[in-house]
Amino acid sequence: VLFMDTSTNFSTLHNQVIDGVLTTPYQFGNVTVKKPAGWKVTANQDIDMGGNLLVSGAAGYGGEFSVTGKYHKIGGNFTIETAPLLATYTTGTTLEFNGTAQT
């Protein structure tokens, strides 16, 4: 699943919300967040990802993935890029992951 936005127009709201049943067996596979700084994707429920999570800090990005107050389970790698831009991960109550990449 790709959550992507290229707009830097702050007069228009570009945040996204994930809601519904988001845990096994209805989990996401791999998730990539590519949003410009200032925009975010927020999970409103506990969320499982069977694969990897990448929050991109590539040029033009550096957005945020937020699971505030939620249980977040990742079956693969957990990568929050810091270059060339700093991406952000706002933690929930618990983060569980089984990958080998950056924490």
PDB file of N, CA and C in Angstrom:
ATOM      1  N   VAL A   1       0.850  -1.157   0.000  1.00  0.00           N
ATOM      2  CA  VAL A   1       0.000   0.000   0.000  1.00  0.00           C
ATOM      3  C   VAL A   1       0.899   1.224   0.000  1.00  0.00           C
ATOM      4  N   LEU A   2       0.595   2.166  -0.870  1.00  0.00           N
ATOM      5  CA  LEU A   2       1.371   3.401  -0.964  1.00  0.00           C
ATOM      6  C   LEU A   2       0.480   4.579  -0.602  1.00  0.00           C
ATOM      7  N   PHE A   3       0.865   5.312   0.429  1.00  0.00           N
ATOM      8  CA  PHE A   3       0.210   6.566   0.780  1.00  0.00           C
ATOM      9  C   PHE A   3       1.136   7.662   0.298  1.00  0.00           C
ATOM     10  N   MET A   4       0.729   8.379  -0.759  1.00  0.00           N
ATOM     11  CA  MET A   4       1.647   9.316  -1.407  1.00  0.00           C
ATOM     12  C   MET A   4       0.952  10.637  -1.687  1.00  0.00           C
ATOM     13  N   ASP A   5       1.739  11.695  -1.629  1.00  0.00           N
ATOM     14  CA  ASP A   5       1.266  13.036  -1.943  1.00  0.00           C
ATOM     15  C   ASP A   5       2.485  13.845  -2.348  1.00  0.00           C
ATOM     16  N   THR A   6       2.318  14.707  -3.310  1.00  0.00           N
ATOM     17  CA  THR A   6       3.432  15.549  -3.731  1.00  0.00           C
ATOM     18  C   THR A   6       3.137  17.027  -3.516  1.00  0.00           C
ATOM     19  N   SER A   7       1.957  17.350  -3.019  1.00  0.00           N
ATOM     20  CA  SER A   7       1.562  18.744  -2.847  1.00  0.00           C
ATOM     21  C   SER A   7       2.248  19.371  -1.647  1.00  0.00           C
ATOM     22  N   THR A   8       2.690  20.588  -1.835  1.00  0.00           N
ATOM     23  CA  THR A   8       3.200  21.367  -0.707  1.00  0.00           C
ATOM     24  C   THR A   8       2.290  22.569  -0.471  1.00  0.00           C
ATOM     25  N   ASN A   9       1.086  22.525  -1.045  1.00  0.00           N
ATOM     26  CA  ASN A   9       0.094  23.588  -0.887  1.00  0.00           C
ATOM     27  C   ASN A   9      -0.608  23.402   0.452  1.00  0.00           C
ATOM     28  N   PHE A  10      -0.239  24.191   1.438  1.00  0.00           N
ATOM     29  CA  PHE A  10      -0.782  24.007   2.779  1.00  0.00           C
ATOM     30  C   PHE A  10      -2.167  24.623   2.954  1.00  0.00           C
ATOM     31  N   SER A  11      -2.739  25.191   1.883  1.00  0.00           N
ATOM     32  CA  SER A  11      -4.103  25.706   1.993  1.00  0.00           C
ATOM     33  C   SER A  11      -5.115  24.588   1.748  1.00  0.00           C
ATOM     34  N   THR A  12      -4.631  23.423   1.347  1.00  0.00           N
ATOM     35  CA  THR A  12      -5.484  22.264   1.100  1.00  0.00           C
ATOM     36  C   THR A  12      -5.041  21.138   2.021  1.00  0.00           C
ATOM     37  N   LEU A  13      -5.996  20.492   2.688  1.00  0.00           N
ATOM     38  CA  LEU A  13      -5.668  19.423   3.635  1.00  0.00           C
ATOM     39  C   LEU A  13      -5.279  18.147   2.896  1.00  0.00           C
ATOM     40  N   HIS A  14      -4.109  17.603   3.187  1.00  0.00           N
ATOM     41  CA  HIS A  14      -3.615  16.402   2.529  1.00  0.00           C
ATOM     42  C   HIS A  14      -3.295  15.278   3.505  1.00  0.00           C
ATOM     43  N   ASN A  15      -3.762  15.382   4.728  1.00  0.00           N
ATOM     44  CA  ASN A  15      -3.575  14.287   5.674  1.00  0.00           C
ATOM     45  C   ASN A  15      -4.512  13.145   5.304  1.00  0.00           C
ATOM     46  N   GLN A  16      -4.125  11.913   5.657  1.00  0.00           N
ATOM     47  CA  GLN A  16      -4.964  10.751   5.408  1.00  0.00           C
ATOM     48  C   GLN A  16      -5.161   9.995   6.712  1.00  0.00           C
ATOM     49  N   VAL A  17      -6.338   9.363   6.845  1.00  0.00           N
ATOM     50  CA  VAL A  17      -6.677   8.589   8.042  1.00  0.00           C
ATOM     51  C   VAL A  17      -7.005   7.165   7.621  1.00  0.00           C
ATOM     52  N   ILE A  18      -6.444   6.195   8.353  1.00  0.00           N
ATOM     53  CA  ILE A  18      -6.748   4.781   8.131  1.00  0.00           C
ATOM     54  C   ILE A  18      -7.683   4.362   9.260  1.00  0.00           C
ATOM     55  N   ASP A  19      -8.830   3.788   8.905  1.00  0.00           N
ATOM     56  CA  ASP A  19      -9.802   3.412   9.913  1.00  0.00           C
ATOM     57  C   ASP A  19     -10.464   2.096   9.525  1.00  0.00           C
ATOM     58  N   GLY A  20     -11.040   1.404  10.488  1.00  0.00           N
ATOM     59  CA  GLY A  20     -11.699   0.128  10.237  1.00  0.00           C
ATOM     60  C   GLY A  20     -10.958  -1.000  10.933  1.00  0.00           C
ATOM     61  N   VAL A  21     -11.206  -2.219  10.501  1.00  0.00           N
ATOM     62  CA  VAL A  21     -10.505  -3.382  11.060  1.00  0.00           C
ATOM     63  C   VAL A  21      -9.165  -3.493  10.334  1.00  0.00           C
ATOM     64  N   LEU A  22      -8.081  -3.283  11.049  1.00  0.00           N
ATOM     65  CA  LEU A  22      -6.749  -3.208  10.447  1.00  0.00           C
ATOM     66  C   LEU A  22      -5.799  -4.275  10.971  1.00  0.00           C
ATOM     67  N   THR A  23      -6.326  -5.239  11.721  1.00  0.00           N
ATOM     68  CA  THR A  23      -5.483  -6.288  12.282  1.00  0.00           C
ATOM     69  C   THR A  23      -5.747  -7.606  11.564  1.00  0.00           C
ATOM     70  N   THR A  24      -4.890  -8.594  11.834  1.00  0.00           N
ATOM     71  CA  THR A  24      -5.005  -9.908  11.210  1.00  0.00           C
ATOM     72  C   THR A  24      -6.411 -10.440  11.410  1.00  0.00           C
ATOM     73  N   PRO A  25      -7.074 -10.959  10.411  1.00  0.00           N
ATOM     74  CA  PRO A  25      -6.611 -11.323   9.075  1.00  0.00           C
ATOM     75  C   PRO A  25      -6.774 -10.217   8.036  1.00  0.00           C
ATOM     76  N   TYR A  26      -7.107  -9.005   8.448  1.00  0.00           N
ATOM     77  CA  TYR A  26      -7.330  -7.896   7.509  1.00  0.00           C
ATOM     78  C   TYR A  26      -6.146  -6.933   7.468  1.00  0.00           C
ATOM     79  N   GLN A  27      -4.975  -7.416   7.774  1.00  0.00           N
ATOM     80  CA  GLN A  27      -3.778  -6.585   7.852  1.00  0.00           C
ATOM     81  C   GLN A  27      -3.332  -6.083   6.485  1.00  0.00           C
ATOM     82  N   PHE A  28      -2.512  -5.054   6.496  1.00  0.00           N
ATOM     83  CA  PHE A  28      -1.846  -4.576   5.293  1.00  0.00           C
ATOM     84  C   PHE A  28      -0.648  -5.461   5.010  1.00  0.00           C
ATOM     85  N   GLY A  29      -0.145  -5.450   3.766  1.00  0.00           N
ATOM     86  CA  GLY A  29       1.120  -6.094   3.429  1.00  0.00           C
ATOM     87  C   GLY A  29       2.230  -5.103   3.727  1.00  0.00           C
ATOM     88  N   ASN A  30       2.991  -4.722   2.703  1.00  0.00           N
ATOM     89  CA  ASN A  30       4.011  -3.684   2.834  1.00  0.00           C
ATOM     90  C   ASN A  30       3.333  -2.316   2.755  1.00  0.00           C
ATOM     91  N   VAL A  31       3.827  -1.368   3.542  1.00  0.00           N
ATOM     92  CA  VAL A  31       3.268  -0.015   3.548  1.00  0.00           C
ATOM     93  C   VAL A  31       4.398   0.988   3.355  1.00  0.00           C
ATOM     94  N   THR A  32       4.195   1.916   2.419  1.00  0.00           N
ATOM     95  CA  THR A  32       5.134   3.008   2.187  1.00  0.00           C
ATOM     96  C   THR A  32       4.380   4.323   2.321  1.00  0.00           C
ATOM     97  N   VAL A  33       4.949   5.245   3.098  1.00  0.00           N
ATOM     98  CA  VAL A  33       4.379   6.583   3.264  1.00  0.00           C
ATOM     99  C   VAL A  33       5.338   7.567   2.613  1.00  0.00           C
ATOM    100  N   LYS A  34       4.849   8.278   1.587  1.00  0.00           N
ATOM    101  CA  LYS A  34       5.646   9.288   0.881  1.00  0.00           C
ATOM    102  C   LYS A  34       4.821  10.567   0.854  1.00  0.00           C
ATOM    103  N   LYS A  35       4.936  11.346   1.909  1.00  0.00           N
ATOM    104  CA  LYS A  35       4.194  12.596   2.041  1.00  0.00           C
ATOM    105  C   LYS A  35       5.193  13.720   2.304  1.00  0.00           C
ATOM    106  N   PRO A  36       4.937  14.920   1.792  1.00  0.00           N
ATOM    107  CA  PRO A  36       5.809  16.043   2.128  1.00  0.00           C
ATOM    108  C   PRO A  36       5.764  16.356   3.625  1.00  0.00           C
ATOM    109  N   ALA A  37       6.814  16.962   4.116  1.00  0.00           N
ATOM    110  CA  ALA A  37       6.865  17.366   5.521  1.00  0.00           C
ATOM    111  C   ALA A  37       5.629  18.191   5.846  1.00  0.00           C
ATOM    112  N   GLY A  38       5.036  17.903   6.992  1.00  0.00           N
ATOM    113  CA  GLY A  38       3.836  18.609   7.410  1.00  0.00           C
ATOM    114  C   GLY A  38       2.567  17.813   7.177  1.00  0.00           C
ATOM    115  N   TRP A  39       2.622  16.795   6.306  1.00  0.00           N
ATOM    116  CA  TRP A  39       1.462  15.943   6.028  1.00  0.00           C
ATOM    117  C   TRP A  39       1.674  14.594   6.688  1.00  0.00           C
ATOM    118  N   LYS A  40       0.578  13.949   7.079  1.00  0.00           N
ATOM    119  CA  LYS A  40       0.736  12.672   7.769  1.00  0.00           C
ATOM    120  C   LYS A  40      -0.382  11.692   7.437  1.00  0.00           C
ATOM    121  N   VAL A  41      -0.080  10.423   7.746  1.00  0.00           N
ATOM    122  CA  VAL A  41      -1.041   9.332   7.684  1.00  0.00           C
ATOM    123  C   VAL A  41      -1.242   8.879   9.126  1.00  0.00           C
ATOM    124  N   THR A  42      -2.500   8.791   9.568  1.00  0.00           N
ATOM    125  CA  THR A  42      -2.818   8.441  10.948  1.00  0.00           C
ATOM    126  C   THR A  42      -3.672   7.182  10.984  1.00  0.00           C
ATOM    127  N   ALA A  43      -3.269   6.207  11.787  1.00  0.00           N
ATOM    128  CA  ALA A  43      -4.076   5.007  12.013  1.00  0.00           C
ATOM    129  C   ALA A  43      -4.991   5.279  13.205  1.00  0.00           C
ATOM    130  N   ASN A  44      -6.302   5.148  12.993  1.00  0.00           N
ATOM    131  CA  ASN A  44      -7.266   5.378  14.067  1.00  0.00           C
ATOM    132  C   ASN A  44      -7.582   4.123  14.870  1.00  0.00           C
ATOM    133  N   GLN A  45      -7.033   2.982  14.463  1.00  0.00           N
ATOM    134  CA  GLN A  45      -7.262   1.706  15.141  1.00  0.00           C
ATOM    135  C   GLN A  45      -5.918   0.998  15.300  1.00  0.00           C
ATOM    136  N   ASP A  46      -5.858  -0.049  16.131  1.00  0.00           N
ATOM    137  CA  ASP A  46      -4.674  -0.905  16.164  1.00  0.00           C
ATOM    138  C   ASP A  46      -4.438  -1.393  14.740  1.00  0.00           C
ATOM    139  N   ILE A  47      -3.164  -1.577  14.360  1.00  0.00           N
ATOM    140  CA  ILE A  47      -2.858  -1.893  12.968  1.00  0.00           C
ATOM    141  C   ILE A  47      -1.756  -2.942  12.868  1.00  0.00           C
ATOM    142  N   ASP A  48      -1.947  -3.905  11.960  1.00  0.00           N
ATOM    143  CA  ASP A  48      -0.944  -4.925  11.653  1.00  0.00           C
ATOM    144  C   ASP A  48      -0.484  -4.743  10.215  1.00  0.00           C
ATOM    145  N   MET A  49       0.815  -4.966  10.016  1.00  0.00           N
ATOM    146  CA  MET A  49       1.396  -4.970   8.675  1.00  0.00           C
ATOM    147  C   MET A  49       2.177  -6.266   8.540  1.00  0.00           C
ATOM    148  N   GLY A  50       1.816  -7.100   7.570  1.00  0.00           N
ATOM    149  CA  GLY A  50       2.484  -8.379   7.398  1.00  0.00           C
ATOM    150  C   GLY A  50       3.874  -8.248   6.810  1.00  0.00           C
ATOM    151  N   GLY A  51       4.151  -7.120   6.152  1.00  0.00           N
ATOM    152  CA  GLY A  51       5.445  -6.904   5.511  1.00  0.00           C
ATOM    153  C   GLY A  51       6.195  -5.761   6.163  1.00  0.00           C
ATOM    154  N   ASN A  52       6.773  -4.903   5.328  1.00  0.00           N
ATOM    155  CA  ASN A  52       7.638  -3.815   5.769  1.00  0.00           C
ATOM    156  C   ASN A  52       6.881  -2.496   5.881  1.00  0.00           C
ATOM    157  N   LEU A  53       7.400  -1.585   6.715  1.00  0.00           N
ATOM    158  CA  LEU A  53       6.933  -0.205   6.788  1.00  0.00           C
ATOM    159  C   LEU A  53       8.101   0.699   6.437  1.00  0.00           C
ATOM    160  N   LEU A  54       7.888   1.599   5.462  1.00  0.00           N
ATOM    161  CA  LEU A  54       8.875   2.618   5.095  1.00  0.00           C
ATOM    162  C   LEU A  54       8.189   3.970   5.148  1.00  0.00           C
ATOM    163  N   VAL A  55       8.731   4.895   5.947  1.00  0.00           N
ATOM    164  CA  VAL A  55       8.299   6.287   5.911  1.00  0.00           C
ATOM    165  C   VAL A  55       9.446   7.034   5.255  1.00  0.00           C
ATOM    166  N   SER A  56       9.172   7.551   4.052  1.00  0.00           N
ATOM    167  CA  SER A  56      10.224   8.073   3.183  1.00  0.00           C
ATOM    168  C   SER A  56      10.709   9.460   3.579  1.00  0.00           C
ATOM    169  N   GLY A  57      12.017   9.616   3.542  1.00  0.00           N
ATOM    170  CA  GLY A  57      12.660  10.908   3.721  1.00  0.00           C
ATOM    171  C   GLY A  57      13.326  11.352   2.433  1.00  0.00           C
ATOM    172  N   ALA A  58      12.919  10.728   1.302  1.00  0.00           N
ATOM    173  CA  ALA A  58      13.498  11.087   0.001  1.00  0.00           C
ATOM    174  C   ALA A  58      13.242  12.555  -0.295  1.00  0.00           C
ATOM    175  N   ALA A  59      14.003  13.116  -1.197  1.00  0.00           N
ATOM    176  CA  ALA A  59      13.855  14.530  -1.569  1.00  0.00           C
ATOM    177  C   ALA A  59      12.400  14.844  -1.895  1.00  0.00           C
ATOM    178  N   GLY A  60      11.879  15.879  -1.277  1.00  0.00           N
ATOM    179  CA  GLY A  60      10.496  16.283  -1.487  1.00  0.00           C
ATOM    180  C   GLY A  60       9.529  15.634  -0.525  1.00  0.00           C
ATOM    181  N   TYR A  61      10.011  14.724   0.321  1.00  0.00           N
ATOM    182  CA  TYR A  61       9.125  14.042   1.264  1.00  0.00           C
ATOM    183  C   TYR A  61       9.547  14.370   2.694  1.00  0.00           C
ATOM    184  N   GLY A  62       9.364  13.456   3.617  1.00  0.00           N
ATOM    185  CA  GLY A  62       9.675  13.721   5.025  1.00  0.00           C
ATOM    186  C   GLY A  62       8.423  13.869   5.862  1.00  0.00           C
ATOM    187  N   GLY A  63       7.337  13.208   5.443  1.00  0.00           N
ATOM    188  CA  GLY A  63       6.069  13.266   6.173  1.00  0.00           C
ATOM    189  C   GLY A  63       6.074  12.391   7.411  1.00  0.00           C
ATOM    190  N   GLU A  64       4.885  12.072   7.893  1.00  0.00           N
ATOM    191  CA  GLU A  64       4.742  11.383   9.178  1.00  0.00           C
ATOM    192  C   GLU A  64       3.754  10.221   9.080  1.00  0.00           C
ATOM    193  N   PHE A  65       4.043   9.151   9.842  1.00  0.00           N
ATOM    194  CA  PHE A  65       3.094   8.063  10.056  1.00  0.00           C
ATOM    195  C   PHE A  65       2.822   8.030  11.547  1.00  0.00           C
ATOM    196  N   SER A  66       1.545   8.135  11.926  1.00  0.00           N
ATOM    197  CA  SER A  66       1.181   8.246  13.340  1.00  0.00           C
ATOM    198  C   SER A  66       0.268   7.107  13.772  1.00  0.00           C
ATOM    199  N   VAL A  67       0.624   6.484  14.894  1.00  0.00           N
ATOM    200  CA  VAL A  67      -0.210   5.445  15.513  1.00  0.00           C
ATOM    201  C   VAL A  67      -0.446   5.778  16.984  1.00  0.00           C
ATOM    202  N   THR A  68      -0.579   7.043  17.283  1.00  0.00           N
ATOM    203  CA  THR A  68      -0.740   7.508  18.657  1.00  0.00           C
ATOM    204  C   THR A  68      -1.836   6.723  19.386  1.00  0.00           C
ATOM    205  N   GLY A  69      -1.458   6.115  20.508  1.00  0.00           N
ATOM    206  CA  GLY A  69      -2.407   5.392  21.343  1.00  0.00           C
ATOM    207  C   GLY A  69      -2.837   4.035  20.807  1.00  0.00           C
ATOM    208  N   LYS A  70      -2.162   3.532  19.763  1.00  0.00           N
ATOM    209  CA  LYS A  70      -2.567   2.265  19.137  1.00  0.00           C
ATOM    210  C   LYS A  70      -1.457   1.225  19.267  1.00  0.00           C
ATOM    211  N   TYR A  71      -1.830  -0.055  19.092  1.00  0.00           N
ATOM    212  CA  TYR A  71      -0.883  -1.165  19.046  1.00  0.00           C
ATOM    213  C   TYR A  71      -0.504  -1.355  17.587  1.00  0.00           C
ATOM    214  N   HIS A  72       0.791  -1.329  17.272  1.00  0.00           N
ATOM    215  CA  HIS A  72       1.270  -1.423  15.895  1.00  0.00           C
ATOM    216  C   HIS A  72       2.190  -2.634  15.759  1.00  0.00           C
ATOM    217  N   LYS A  73       1.810  -3.558  14.892  1.00  0.00           N
ATOM    218  CA  LYS A  73       2.585  -4.779  14.670  1.00  0.00           C
ATOM    219  C   LYS A  73       3.069  -4.812  13.225  1.00  0.00           C
ATOM    220  N   ILE A  74       4.383  -5.026  13.056  1.00  0.00           N
ATOM    221  CA  ILE A  74       5.004  -5.070  11.728  1.00  0.00           C
ATOM    222  C   ILE A  74       5.698  -6.415  11.579  1.00  0.00           C
ATOM    223  N   GLY A  75       5.370  -7.165  10.518  1.00  0.00           N
ATOM    224  CA  GLY A  75       5.960  -8.477  10.298  1.00  0.00           C
ATOM    225  C   GLY A  75       7.320  -8.435   9.632  1.00  0.00           C
ATOM    226  N   GLY A  76       7.700  -7.294   9.077  1.00  0.00           N
ATOM    227  CA  GLY A  76       8.966  -7.178   8.352  1.00  0.00           C
ATOM    228  C   GLY A  76       9.834  -6.079   8.932  1.00  0.00           C
ATOM    229  N   ASN A  77      10.511  -5.347   8.039  1.00  0.00           N
ATOM    230  CA  ASN A  77      11.435  -4.289   8.437  1.00  0.00           C
ATOM    231  C   ASN A  77      10.695  -2.982   8.720  1.00  0.00           C
ATOM    232  N   PHE A  78      11.278  -2.183   9.581  1.00  0.00           N
ATOM    233  CA  PHE A  78      10.725  -0.909  10.053  1.00  0.00           C
ATOM    234  C   PHE A  78      11.755   0.161   9.732  1.00  0.00           C
ATOM    235  N   THR A  79      11.479   1.006   8.727  1.00  0.00           N
ATOM    236  CA  THR A  79      12.460   1.996   8.283  1.00  0.00           C
ATOM    237  C   THR A  79      11.842   3.383   8.270  1.00  0.00           C
ATOM    238  N   ILE A  80      12.437   4.285   9.044  1.00  0.00           N
ATOM    239  CA  ILE A  80      12.052   5.693   9.051  1.00  0.00           C
ATOM    240  C   ILE A  80      13.288   6.443   8.553  1.00  0.00           C
ATOM    241  N   GLU A  81      13.226   6.939   7.326  1.00  0.00           N
ATOM    242  CA  GLU A  81      14.407   7.559   6.725  1.00  0.00           C
ATOM    243  C   GLU A  81      14.698   8.922   7.351  1.00  0.00           C
ATOM    244  N   THR A  82      15.992   9.233   7.396  1.00  0.00           N
ATOM    245  CA  THR A  82      16.424  10.503   7.971  1.00  0.00           C
ATOM    246  C   THR A  82      17.173  11.368   6.967  1.00  0.00           C
ATOM    247  N   ALA A  83      17.354  10.876   5.739  1.00  0.00           N
ATOM    248  CA  ALA A  83      18.097  11.655   4.749  1.00  0.00           C
ATOM    249  C   ALA A  83      17.507  11.418   3.358  1.00  0.00           C
ATOM    250  N   PRO A  84      17.479  12.405   2.519  1.00  0.00           N
ATOM    251  CA  PRO A  84      17.959  13.762   2.799  1.00  0.00           C
ATOM    252  C   PRO A  84      17.033  14.560   3.706  1.00  0.00           C
ATOM    253  N   LEU A  85      15.782  14.103   3.884  1.00  0.00           N
ATOM    254  CA  LEU A  85      14.858  14.776   4.797  1.00  0.00           C
ATOM    255  C   LEU A  85      14.483  13.832   5.927  1.00  0.00           C
ATOM    256  N   LEU A  86      14.137  14.401   7.062  1.00  0.00           N
ATOM    257  CA  LEU A  86      13.748  13.609   8.224  1.00  0.00           C
ATOM    258  C   LEU A  86      12.275  13.240   8.130  1.00  0.00           C
ATOM    259  N   ALA A  87      11.977  11.949   8.067  1.00  0.00           N
ATOM    260  CA  ALA A  87      10.614  11.457   8.148  1.00  0.00           C
ATOM    261  C   ALA A  87      10.298  11.228   9.629  1.00  0.00           C
ATOM    262  N   THR A  88       9.015  11.104   9.964  1.00  0.00           N
ATOM    263  CA  THR A  88       8.618  11.014  11.367  1.00  0.00           C
ATOM    264  C   THR A  88       7.696   9.831  11.596  1.00  0.00           C
ATOM    265  N   TYR A  89       7.905   9.150  12.718  1.00  0.00           N
ATOM    266  CA  TYR A  89       7.019   8.080  13.170  1.00  0.00           C
ATOM    267  C   TYR A  89       6.567   8.459  14.571  1.00  0.00           C
ATOM    268  N   THR A  90       5.270   8.659  14.756  1.00  0.00           N
ATOM    269  CA  THR A  90       4.733   8.972  16.073  1.00  0.00           C
ATOM    270  C   THR A  90       4.245   7.672  16.689  1.00  0.00           C
ATOM    271  N   THR A  91       4.866   7.295  17.790  1.00  0.00           N
ATOM    272  CA  THR A  91       4.641   5.977  18.385  1.00  0.00           C
ATOM    273  C   THR A  91       3.279   5.838  19.030  1.00  0.00           C
ATOM    274  N   GLY A  92       2.864   4.589  19.114  1.00  0.00           N
ATOM    275  CA  GLY A  92       1.634   4.246  19.810  1.00  0.00           C
ATOM    276  C   GLY A  92       1.945   3.700  21.186  1.00  0.00           C
ATOM    277  N   THR A  93       1.055   2.879  21.706  1.00  0.00           N
ATOM    278  CA  THR A  93       1.287   2.286  23.019  1.00  0.00           C
ATOM    279  C   THR A  93       2.309   1.168  22.938  1.00  0.00           C
ATOM    280  N   THR A  94       2.309   0.420  21.795  1.00  0.00           N
ATOM    281  CA  THR A  94       3.239  -0.700  21.610  1.00  0.00           C
ATOM    282  C   THR A  94       3.629  -0.800  20.155  1.00  0.00           C
ATOM    283  N   LEU A  95       4.918  -1.026  19.896  1.00  0.00           N
ATOM    284  CA  LEU A  95       5.414  -1.332  18.557  1.00  0.00           C
ATOM    285  C   LEU A  95       6.038  -2.712  18.611  1.00  0.00           C
ATOM    286  N   GLU A  96       5.555  -3.639  17.791  1.00  0.00           N
ATOM    287  CA  GLU A  96       6.095  -4.986  17.710  1.00  0.00           C
ATOM    288  C   GLU A  96       6.545  -5.207  16.275  1.00  0.00           C
ATOM    289  N   PHE A  97       7.818  -5.585  16.080  1.00  0.00           N
ATOM    290  CA  PHE A  97       8.250  -5.895  14.727  1.00  0.00           C
ATOM    291  C   PHE A  97       9.261  -7.022  14.743  1.00  0.00           C
ATOM    292  N   ASN A  98       9.336  -7.726  13.593  1.00  0.00           N
ATOM    293  CA  ASN A  98      10.163  -8.920  13.507  1.00  0.00           C
ATOM    294  C   ASN A  98      11.190  -8.836  12.391  1.00  0.00           C
ATOM    295  N   GLY A  99      11.458  -7.656  11.865  1.00  0.00           N
ATOM    296  CA  GLY A  99      12.403  -7.495  10.769  1.00  0.00           C
ATOM    297  C   GLY A  99      13.826  -7.346  11.260  1.00  0.00           C
ATOM    298  N   THR A 100      14.698  -6.978  10.327  1.00  0.00           N
ATOM    299  CA  THR A 100      16.122  -6.844  10.644  1.00  0.00           C
ATOM    300  C   THR A 100      16.640  -5.439  10.356  1.00  0.00           C
ATOM    301  N   ALA A 101      15.830  -4.566   9.773  1.00  0.00           N
ATOM    302  CA  ALA A 101      16.299  -3.235   9.380  1.00  0.00           C
ATOM    303  C   ALA A 101      16.202  -2.260  10.546  1.00  0.00           C
ATOM    304  N   GLN A 102      16.521  -1.008  10.239  1.00  0.00           N
ATOM    305  CA  GLN A 102      16.567   0.101  11.173  1.00  0.00           C
ATOM    306  C   GLN A 102      15.374   0.115  12.134  1.00  0.00           C
ATOM    307  N   THR A 103      15.655   0.467  13.376  1.00  0.00           N
ATOM    308  CA  THR A 103      14.559   0.642  14.346  1.00  0.00           C
ATOM    309  C   THR A 103      14.478   2.089  14.755  1.00  0.00           C
TER     310      THR A 103
END
